[in-house]
């Protein structure tokens, strides 16, 4: 997780909500069952996105067939990146692709590519050893552009009871 600006408790009413359709993921840096952080395009500029773990939401709805569903939404913060920060992220992204693989790449629509490749295992340490010495990301002084949410998953409510 990165150091990010402190958020007010009621950030959802104080910050702009960005429509997810205006965003295009370029690459992610954190992953757990989906992207948690990384670089994302918004209004033709590269930005940083970071998961707001504390504010996931589960919503219930009933479909046209009377089936009840639980939908999980994840919320993210959108931050401006300086050119220097962007270049730093790009360096590490390209090093990962060169030494580990391209299996986390995204296409021009922001969808994960399915044809990525893995580099030979003996090359991986060239990235991971270097990454151990990387300074932690510090976005505490970056401008907060707003927040957005992604629909993460849907599960039929009956399946949760089993």
N, C-alpha and C. Protein backbone atom coordinates (compact mmCIF):
# COMPACT_ATOMS: atom_id res chain seq x y z
N UNK A 1 0.84 -1.19 0.00
CA UNK A 1 0.00 0.00 0.00
C UNK A 1 0.88 1.24 0.00
N UNK A 2 0.41 2.27 -0.64
CA UNK A 2 1.15 3.51 -0.77
C UNK A 2 0.75 4.50 0.31
N UNK A 3 1.61 5.47 0.55
CA UNK A 3 1.24 6.58 1.42
C UNK A 3 0.38 7.53 0.59
N UNK A 4 -0.85 7.75 1.03
CA UNK A 4 -1.78 8.60 0.29
C UNK A 4 -2.25 9.74 1.19
N UNK A 5 -2.82 10.80 0.60
CA UNK A 5 -3.31 11.90 1.43
C UNK A 5 -4.39 11.42 2.40
N UNK A 6 -4.46 12.10 3.52
CA UNK A 6 -5.50 11.76 4.50
C UNK A 6 -6.86 12.18 3.94
N UNK A 7 -7.82 11.28 4.10
CA UNK A 7 -9.16 11.53 3.58
C UNK A 7 -10.09 11.97 4.69
N UNK A 8 -10.99 12.91 4.39
CA UNK A 8 -12.03 13.22 5.38
C UNK A 8 -12.98 12.03 5.49
N UNK A 9 -13.59 11.86 6.65
CA UNK A 9 -14.50 10.73 6.85
C UNK A 9 -15.61 10.71 5.81
N UNK A 10 -16.11 11.87 5.44
CA UNK A 10 -17.21 11.95 4.48
C UNK A 10 -16.70 12.29 3.07
N UNK A 11 -15.58 11.66 2.68
CA UNK A 11 -14.95 11.98 1.39
C UNK A 11 -15.92 11.82 0.22
N UNK A 12 -16.89 10.91 0.34
CA UNK A 12 -17.81 10.68 -0.77
C UNK A 12 -18.68 11.89 -1.05
N UNK A 13 -18.94 12.71 -0.05
CA UNK A 13 -19.74 13.92 -0.29
C UNK A 13 -18.85 15.13 -0.58
N UNK A 14 -17.56 15.06 -0.23
CA UNK A 14 -16.66 16.20 -0.44
C UNK A 14 -15.85 16.12 -1.73
N UNK A 15 -15.67 14.91 -2.25
CA UNK A 15 -14.85 14.72 -3.46
C UNK A 15 -15.73 14.29 -4.62
N UNK A 16 -15.27 14.57 -5.82
CA UNK A 16 -16.01 14.18 -7.01
C UNK A 16 -15.99 12.67 -7.20
N UNK A 17 -17.15 12.10 -7.54
CA UNK A 17 -17.19 10.70 -7.93
C UNK A 17 -16.94 10.63 -9.43
N UNK A 18 -15.94 9.83 -9.81
CA UNK A 18 -15.57 9.68 -11.21
C UNK A 18 -16.30 8.46 -11.77
N UNK A 19 -16.92 8.64 -12.92
CA UNK A 19 -17.60 7.53 -13.58
C UNK A 19 -16.55 6.53 -14.07
N UNK A 20 -16.70 5.27 -13.70
CA UNK A 20 -15.71 4.26 -14.07
C UNK A 20 -15.52 4.15 -15.58
N UNK A 21 -16.50 4.53 -16.36
CA UNK A 21 -16.39 4.45 -17.82
C UNK A 21 -15.46 5.53 -18.39
N UNK A 22 -15.07 6.50 -17.57
CA UNK A 22 -14.12 7.53 -17.99
C UNK A 22 -12.68 7.13 -17.70
N UNK A 23 -12.50 5.95 -17.15
CA UNK A 23 -11.18 5.48 -16.71
C UNK A 23 -10.71 4.32 -17.56
N UNK A 24 -9.40 4.23 -17.75
CA UNK A 24 -8.81 3.09 -18.46
C UNK A 24 -7.56 2.67 -17.72
N UNK A 25 -7.61 1.47 -17.14
CA UNK A 25 -6.44 1.00 -16.41
C UNK A 25 -5.29 0.76 -17.39
N UNK A 26 -4.13 1.24 -17.02
CA UNK A 26 -2.94 1.07 -17.86
C UNK A 26 -2.09 -0.09 -17.33
N UNK A 27 -1.86 -0.11 -16.02
CA UNK A 27 -1.25 -1.26 -15.37
C UNK A 27 -1.53 -1.18 -13.88
N UNK A 28 -1.46 -2.32 -13.24
CA UNK A 28 -1.65 -2.33 -11.79
C UNK A 28 -0.33 -2.67 -11.11
N UNK A 29 -0.22 -2.26 -9.87
CA UNK A 29 0.96 -2.54 -9.07
C UNK A 29 0.61 -3.43 -7.88
N UNK A 30 -0.60 -3.31 -7.38
CA UNK A 30 -1.08 -4.16 -6.30
C UNK A 30 -2.25 -4.98 -6.79
N UNK A 31 -2.31 -6.24 -6.34
CA UNK A 31 -3.35 -7.15 -6.81
C UNK A 31 -3.77 -8.08 -5.67
N UNK A 32 -5.04 -8.24 -5.49
CA UNK A 32 -5.61 -9.28 -4.64
C UNK A 32 -7.02 -9.52 -5.14
N UNK A 33 -7.21 -10.57 -5.89
CA UNK A 33 -8.49 -10.87 -6.54
C UNK A 33 -8.93 -9.75 -7.48
N UNK A 34 -8.01 -8.96 -7.91
CA UNK A 34 -8.28 -7.83 -8.80
C UNK A 34 -7.30 -6.72 -8.50
N UNK A 35 -7.24 -5.71 -9.36
CA UNK A 35 -6.28 -4.62 -9.13
C UNK A 35 -6.63 -3.80 -7.90
N UNK A 36 -5.60 -3.46 -7.12
CA UNK A 36 -5.77 -2.65 -5.92
C UNK A 36 -5.14 -1.27 -6.05
N UNK A 37 -4.12 -1.18 -6.89
CA UNK A 37 -3.44 0.10 -7.09
C UNK A 37 -2.72 0.05 -8.42
N UNK A 38 -2.39 1.22 -8.93
CA UNK A 38 -1.64 1.27 -10.18
C UNK A 38 -1.86 2.56 -10.92
N UNK A 39 -1.58 2.50 -12.21
CA UNK A 39 -1.67 3.68 -13.07
C UNK A 39 -2.89 3.53 -13.97
N UNK A 40 -3.65 4.61 -14.05
CA UNK A 40 -4.91 4.60 -14.77
C UNK A 40 -5.03 5.90 -15.57
N UNK A 41 -5.60 5.82 -16.75
CA UNK A 41 -5.79 7.01 -17.59
C UNK A 41 -7.15 7.63 -17.28
N UNK A 42 -7.14 8.95 -17.12
CA UNK A 42 -8.36 9.72 -16.91
C UNK A 42 -8.16 11.07 -17.60
N UNK A 43 -9.04 11.40 -18.52
CA UNK A 43 -8.95 12.65 -19.28
C UNK A 43 -7.57 12.79 -19.93
N UNK A 44 -7.13 11.72 -20.56
CA UNK A 44 -5.87 11.70 -21.31
C UNK A 44 -4.63 11.98 -20.47
N UNK A 45 -4.72 11.76 -19.17
CA UNK A 45 -3.56 11.91 -18.28
C UNK A 45 -3.43 10.67 -17.43
N UNK A 46 -2.20 10.35 -17.07
CA UNK A 46 -1.95 9.22 -16.19
C UNK A 46 -2.15 9.64 -14.74
N UNK A 47 -2.86 8.81 -13.99
CA UNK A 47 -3.14 9.05 -12.58
C UNK A 47 -2.80 7.78 -11.79
N UNK A 48 -2.76 7.93 -10.48
CA UNK A 48 -2.57 6.79 -9.59
C UNK A 48 -3.94 6.43 -9.01
N UNK A 49 -4.22 5.13 -8.90
CA UNK A 49 -5.42 4.71 -8.17
C UNK A 49 -5.02 3.81 -7.03
N UNK A 50 -5.76 3.90 -5.95
CA UNK A 50 -5.46 3.15 -4.73
C UNK A 50 -6.76 2.70 -4.09
N UNK A 51 -6.81 1.43 -3.73
CA UNK A 51 -8.01 0.87 -3.10
C UNK A 51 -8.25 1.51 -1.74
N UNK A 52 -9.50 1.78 -1.46
CA UNK A 52 -9.92 2.25 -0.13
C UNK A 52 -10.55 1.05 0.57
N UNK A 53 -9.72 0.17 1.06
CA UNK A 53 -10.18 -1.10 1.66
C UNK A 53 -11.30 -0.91 2.65
N UNK A 54 -11.20 0.13 3.43
CA UNK A 54 -12.16 0.32 4.52
C UNK A 54 -13.56 0.65 4.03
N UNK A 55 -13.71 0.85 2.73
CA UNK A 55 -15.00 1.35 2.24
C UNK A 55 -15.59 0.52 1.10
N UNK A 56 -15.33 -0.80 1.12
CA UNK A 56 -16.02 -1.66 0.16
C UNK A 56 -17.50 -1.69 0.53
N UNK A 57 -18.33 -2.01 -0.43
CA UNK A 57 -19.77 -2.04 -0.16
C UNK A 57 -20.40 -3.24 -0.84
N UNK A 58 -21.30 -3.88 -0.12
CA UNK A 58 -22.09 -4.98 -0.69
C UNK A 58 -23.52 -4.48 -0.81
N UNK A 59 -24.06 -4.62 -2.03
CA UNK A 59 -25.44 -4.20 -2.30
C UNK A 59 -26.25 -5.42 -2.69
N UNK A 60 -27.48 -5.43 -2.29
CA UNK A 60 -28.39 -6.52 -2.61
C UNK A 60 -29.42 -6.03 -3.62
N UNK A 61 -29.69 -6.87 -4.59
CA UNK A 61 -30.78 -6.56 -5.52
C UNK A 61 -31.44 -7.86 -5.97
N UNK A 62 -32.66 -7.74 -6.47
CA UNK A 62 -33.42 -8.88 -6.99
C UNK A 62 -33.57 -8.69 -8.49
N UNK A 63 -33.20 -9.73 -9.26
CA UNK A 63 -33.26 -9.62 -10.72
C UNK A 63 -34.69 -9.87 -11.22
N UNK A 64 -34.87 -9.85 -12.54
CA UNK A 64 -36.18 -9.99 -13.16
C UNK A 64 -36.82 -11.36 -12.91
N UNK A 65 -36.03 -12.35 -12.49
CA UNK A 65 -36.53 -13.69 -12.22
C UNK A 65 -36.76 -13.94 -10.73
N UNK A 66 -36.63 -12.88 -9.93
CA UNK A 66 -36.85 -13.00 -8.50
C UNK A 66 -35.66 -13.55 -7.73
N UNK A 67 -34.51 -13.64 -8.37
CA UNK A 67 -33.31 -14.16 -7.71
C UNK A 67 -32.60 -13.00 -7.02
N UNK A 68 -32.26 -13.22 -5.75
CA UNK A 68 -31.56 -12.20 -4.98
C UNK A 68 -30.05 -12.34 -5.17
N UNK A 69 -29.38 -11.21 -5.40
CA UNK A 69 -27.95 -11.18 -5.64
C UNK A 69 -27.26 -10.25 -4.65
N UNK A 70 -26.04 -10.61 -4.31
CA UNK A 70 -25.17 -9.75 -3.52
C UNK A 70 -24.08 -9.25 -4.49
N UNK A 71 -23.93 -7.94 -4.60
CA UNK A 71 -22.90 -7.37 -5.47
C UNK A 71 -21.87 -6.64 -4.60
N UNK A 72 -20.62 -6.90 -4.90
CA UNK A 72 -19.52 -6.30 -4.15
C UNK A 72 -18.91 -5.19 -4.99
N UNK A 73 -18.86 -3.99 -4.41
CA UNK A 73 -18.25 -2.84 -5.05
C UNK A 73 -17.02 -2.43 -4.25
N UNK A 74 -15.95 -2.17 -4.95
CA UNK A 74 -14.72 -1.66 -4.33
C UNK A 74 -14.59 -0.19 -4.68
N UNK A 75 -14.15 0.59 -3.71
CA UNK A 75 -13.94 2.02 -3.92
C UNK A 75 -12.44 2.31 -3.98
N UNK A 76 -12.11 3.29 -4.81
CA UNK A 76 -10.73 3.67 -5.06
C UNK A 76 -10.58 5.18 -5.03
N UNK A 77 -9.40 5.62 -4.67
CA UNK A 77 -9.04 7.02 -4.71
C UNK A 77 -8.27 7.27 -6.00
N UNK A 78 -8.51 8.41 -6.63
CA UNK A 78 -7.82 8.79 -7.87
C UNK A 78 -6.96 10.01 -7.57
N UNK A 79 -5.65 9.88 -7.82
CA UNK A 79 -4.68 10.93 -7.50
C UNK A 79 -3.95 11.39 -8.75
N UNK A 80 -3.63 12.68 -8.81
CA UNK A 80 -2.77 13.18 -9.87
C UNK A 80 -1.37 12.63 -9.63
N UNK A 81 -0.66 12.37 -10.72
CA UNK A 81 0.75 11.97 -10.66
C UNK A 81 1.59 13.08 -11.27
N UNK A 82 2.70 13.39 -10.63
CA UNK A 82 3.65 14.31 -11.27
C UNK A 82 4.35 13.55 -12.39
N UNK A 83 4.98 14.26 -13.29
CA UNK A 83 5.72 13.61 -14.37
C UNK A 83 6.83 12.72 -13.80
N UNK A 84 7.48 13.19 -12.77
CA UNK A 84 8.55 12.41 -12.13
C UNK A 84 7.99 11.11 -11.54
N UNK A 85 6.85 11.20 -10.86
CA UNK A 85 6.23 10.00 -10.29
C UNK A 85 5.80 9.04 -11.39
N UNK A 86 5.23 9.58 -12.46
CA UNK A 86 4.83 8.73 -13.58
C UNK A 86 6.04 8.01 -14.17
N UNK A 87 7.13 8.72 -14.38
CA UNK A 87 8.32 8.12 -14.97
C UNK A 87 8.89 7.03 -14.04
N UNK A 88 8.82 7.25 -12.75
CA UNK A 88 9.27 6.24 -11.78
C UNK A 88 8.41 4.98 -11.90
N UNK A 89 7.10 5.15 -11.95
CA UNK A 89 6.20 3.99 -12.09
C UNK A 89 6.42 3.28 -13.42
N UNK A 90 6.62 4.05 -14.47
CA UNK A 90 6.85 3.47 -15.79
C UNK A 90 8.15 2.66 -15.80
N UNK A 91 9.17 3.16 -15.15
CA UNK A 91 10.44 2.42 -15.06
C UNK A 91 10.22 1.05 -14.43
N UNK A 92 9.53 1.03 -13.29
CA UNK A 92 9.32 -0.25 -12.58
C UNK A 92 8.38 -1.17 -13.35
N UNK A 93 7.41 -0.61 -14.00
CA UNK A 93 6.51 -1.40 -14.84
C UNK A 93 7.28 -2.08 -15.97
N UNK A 94 8.11 -1.31 -16.66
CA UNK A 94 8.88 -1.87 -17.76
C UNK A 94 9.91 -2.89 -17.28
N UNK A 95 10.51 -2.65 -16.12
CA UNK A 95 11.45 -3.63 -15.56
C UNK A 95 10.72 -4.94 -15.24
N UNK A 96 9.52 -4.85 -14.68
CA UNK A 96 8.72 -6.04 -14.40
C UNK A 96 8.45 -6.81 -15.69
N UNK A 97 8.04 -6.11 -16.72
CA UNK A 97 7.74 -6.75 -18.00
C UNK A 97 8.98 -7.43 -18.59
N UNK A 98 10.13 -6.78 -18.43
CA UNK A 98 11.38 -7.30 -18.99
C UNK A 98 11.89 -8.52 -18.22
N UNK A 99 11.75 -8.52 -16.89
CA UNK A 99 12.37 -9.56 -16.06
C UNK A 99 11.40 -10.63 -15.57
N UNK A 100 10.10 -10.29 -15.49
CA UNK A 100 9.12 -11.24 -14.93
C UNK A 100 8.12 -11.68 -15.99
N UNK A 101 7.52 -10.72 -16.70
CA UNK A 101 6.58 -11.12 -17.73
C UNK A 101 5.57 -10.04 -18.06
N UNK A 102 4.77 -10.35 -19.06
CA UNK A 102 3.76 -9.41 -19.56
C UNK A 102 2.34 -9.90 -19.26
N UNK A 103 2.20 -10.85 -18.38
CA UNK A 103 0.89 -11.45 -18.11
C UNK A 103 -0.06 -10.52 -17.35
N UNK A 104 0.42 -9.37 -16.89
CA UNK A 104 -0.46 -8.40 -16.24
C UNK A 104 -0.78 -7.23 -17.15
N UNK A 105 -0.47 -7.31 -18.42
CA UNK A 105 -0.69 -6.20 -19.34
C UNK A 105 -2.18 -5.98 -19.62
N UNK A 106 -2.49 -4.74 -19.96
CA UNK A 106 -3.85 -4.33 -20.31
C UNK A 106 -3.86 -3.81 -21.74
N UNK A 107 -5.01 -3.93 -22.40
CA UNK A 107 -5.12 -3.42 -23.77
C UNK A 107 -5.57 -1.96 -23.75
N UNK A 108 -5.77 -1.41 -24.93
CA UNK A 108 -6.15 0.01 -25.05
C UNK A 108 -7.54 0.32 -24.49
N UNK A 109 -8.34 -0.71 -24.24
CA UNK A 109 -9.66 -0.51 -23.63
C UNK A 109 -9.62 -0.64 -22.12
N UNK A 110 -8.44 -0.99 -21.58
CA UNK A 110 -8.32 -1.16 -20.14
C UNK A 110 -8.66 -2.56 -19.66
N UNK A 111 -8.76 -3.52 -20.59
CA UNK A 111 -9.04 -4.91 -20.22
C UNK A 111 -7.73 -5.69 -20.16
N UNK A 112 -7.66 -6.61 -19.20
CA UNK A 112 -6.45 -7.41 -19.09
C UNK A 112 -6.28 -8.27 -20.31
N UNK A 113 -5.06 -8.26 -20.86
CA UNK A 113 -4.76 -9.11 -22.01
C UNK A 113 -4.67 -10.56 -21.55
N UNK A 114 -5.06 -11.46 -22.41
CA UNK A 114 -5.03 -12.89 -22.09
C UNK A 114 -3.83 -13.60 -22.70
N UNK A 115 -3.01 -12.87 -23.45
CA UNK A 115 -1.91 -13.52 -24.16
C UNK A 115 -0.54 -13.14 -23.61
N UNK A 116 -0.48 -12.75 -22.36
CA UNK A 116 0.80 -12.37 -21.77
C UNK A 116 1.74 -13.55 -21.61
N UNK A 117 3.00 -13.24 -21.39
CA UNK A 117 4.00 -14.30 -21.27
C UNK A 117 4.76 -14.18 -19.95
N UNK A 118 5.38 -15.27 -19.56
CA UNK A 118 6.25 -15.32 -18.39
C UNK A 118 7.70 -15.39 -18.87
N UNK A 119 8.57 -14.68 -18.19
CA UNK A 119 10.00 -14.80 -18.45
C UNK A 119 10.52 -16.01 -17.66
N UNK A 120 11.69 -16.53 -18.03
CA UNK A 120 12.25 -17.66 -17.28
C UNK A 120 12.41 -17.31 -15.79
N UNK A 121 12.09 -18.24 -14.94
CA UNK A 121 12.09 -18.03 -13.49
C UNK A 121 13.40 -17.44 -12.98
N UNK A 122 14.52 -17.86 -13.57
CA UNK A 122 15.82 -17.36 -13.09
C UNK A 122 16.00 -15.86 -13.32
N UNK A 123 15.18 -15.26 -14.16
CA UNK A 123 15.25 -13.81 -14.40
C UNK A 123 14.44 -13.01 -13.37
N UNK A 124 13.48 -13.63 -12.72
CA UNK A 124 12.56 -12.92 -11.83
C UNK A 124 13.28 -12.19 -10.71
N UNK A 125 14.33 -12.80 -10.17
CA UNK A 125 15.03 -12.17 -9.05
C UNK A 125 15.67 -10.84 -9.44
N UNK A 126 15.96 -10.66 -10.72
CA UNK A 126 16.54 -9.39 -11.16
C UNK A 126 15.56 -8.24 -10.92
N UNK A 127 14.28 -8.53 -11.01
CA UNK A 127 13.28 -7.51 -10.68
C UNK A 127 13.05 -7.45 -9.17
N UNK A 128 12.75 -8.61 -8.57
CA UNK A 128 12.35 -8.62 -7.17
C UNK A 128 13.47 -8.17 -6.24
N UNK A 129 14.72 -8.49 -6.54
CA UNK A 129 15.83 -8.01 -5.71
C UNK A 129 15.95 -6.50 -5.79
N UNK A 130 15.80 -5.95 -6.99
CA UNK A 130 15.84 -4.50 -7.15
C UNK A 130 14.66 -3.83 -6.44
N UNK A 131 13.49 -4.44 -6.53
CA UNK A 131 12.28 -3.85 -5.94
C UNK A 131 12.37 -3.78 -4.41
N UNK A 132 13.13 -4.69 -3.79
CA UNK A 132 13.30 -4.66 -2.33
C UNK A 132 13.94 -3.35 -1.87
N UNK A 133 14.76 -2.75 -2.72
CA UNK A 133 15.45 -1.52 -2.37
C UNK A 133 14.73 -0.26 -2.82
N UNK A 134 13.57 -0.45 -3.40
CA UNK A 134 12.81 0.71 -3.87
C UNK A 134 12.24 1.48 -2.68
N UNK A 135 12.32 2.80 -2.76
CA UNK A 135 11.71 3.63 -1.71
C UNK A 135 10.19 3.48 -1.78
N UNK A 136 9.52 3.47 -0.63
CA UNK A 136 8.05 3.38 -0.66
C UNK A 136 7.45 4.58 -1.41
N UNK A 137 6.36 4.32 -2.10
CA UNK A 137 5.66 5.40 -2.80
C UNK A 137 5.11 6.38 -1.77
N UNK A 138 5.22 7.65 -2.08
CA UNK A 138 4.68 8.67 -1.18
C UNK A 138 3.84 9.64 -2.01
N UNK A 139 2.54 9.49 -1.89
CA UNK A 139 1.60 10.35 -2.61
C UNK A 139 0.87 11.29 -1.65
N UNK A 140 1.42 11.49 -0.45
CA UNK A 140 0.70 12.27 0.56
C UNK A 140 0.46 13.72 0.13
N UNK A 141 1.28 14.24 -0.77
CA UNK A 141 1.09 15.64 -1.22
C UNK A 141 0.45 15.74 -2.59
N UNK A 142 0.02 14.62 -3.16
CA UNK A 142 -0.61 14.64 -4.47
C UNK A 142 -2.05 15.14 -4.37
N UNK A 143 -2.49 15.77 -5.44
CA UNK A 143 -3.87 16.27 -5.51
C UNK A 143 -4.82 15.09 -5.66
N UNK A 144 -5.86 15.09 -4.84
CA UNK A 144 -6.91 14.07 -4.96
C UNK A 144 -7.89 14.55 -6.03
N UNK A 145 -8.03 13.77 -7.09
CA UNK A 145 -8.94 14.13 -8.17
C UNK A 145 -10.37 13.74 -7.79
N UNK A 146 -10.53 12.62 -7.13
CA UNK A 146 -11.85 12.13 -6.74
C UNK A 146 -11.77 10.67 -6.36
N UNK A 147 -12.92 10.03 -6.41
CA UNK A 147 -13.00 8.61 -6.09
C UNK A 147 -13.89 7.93 -7.12
N UNK A 148 -13.74 6.61 -7.21
CA UNK A 148 -14.58 5.83 -8.11
C UNK A 148 -14.80 4.47 -7.50
N UNK A 149 -15.75 3.76 -8.06
CA UNK A 149 -15.99 2.40 -7.60
C UNK A 149 -16.10 1.48 -8.80
N UNK A 150 -15.66 0.24 -8.57
CA UNK A 150 -15.77 -0.80 -9.58
C UNK A 150 -16.63 -1.91 -9.04
N UNK A 151 -17.49 -2.43 -9.90
CA UNK A 151 -18.25 -3.63 -9.55
C UNK A 151 -17.26 -4.78 -9.55
N UNK A 152 -17.08 -5.41 -8.41
CA UNK A 152 -16.04 -6.41 -8.23
C UNK A 152 -16.55 -7.82 -8.50
N UNK A 153 -17.74 -8.12 -7.97
CA UNK A 153 -18.26 -9.48 -8.11
C UNK A 153 -19.74 -9.50 -7.79
N UNK A 154 -20.43 -10.51 -8.31
CA UNK A 154 -21.84 -10.77 -7.98
C UNK A 154 -21.95 -12.23 -7.57
N UNK A 155 -22.69 -12.45 -6.51
CA UNK A 155 -22.91 -13.81 -6.04
C UNK A 155 -24.39 -13.96 -5.73
N UNK A 156 -24.96 -15.06 -6.17
CA UNK A 156 -26.36 -15.34 -5.84
C UNK A 156 -26.46 -15.50 -4.33
N UNK A 157 -27.41 -14.80 -3.72
CA UNK A 157 -27.51 -14.78 -2.26
C UNK A 157 -27.65 -16.18 -1.68
N UNK A 158 -28.37 -17.08 -2.36
CA UNK A 158 -28.52 -18.45 -1.86
C UNK A 158 -27.19 -19.16 -1.73
N UNK A 159 -26.25 -18.85 -2.61
CA UNK A 159 -24.94 -19.48 -2.56
C UNK A 159 -24.16 -19.07 -1.31
N UNK A 160 -24.45 -17.90 -0.78
CA UNK A 160 -23.76 -17.45 0.43
C UNK A 160 -24.22 -18.21 1.66
N UNK A 161 -25.41 -18.74 1.61
CA UNK A 161 -25.97 -19.48 2.75
C UNK A 161 -25.43 -20.90 2.83
N UNK A 162 -24.86 -21.42 1.75
CA UNK A 162 -24.38 -22.80 1.72
C UNK A 162 -22.97 -22.94 2.22
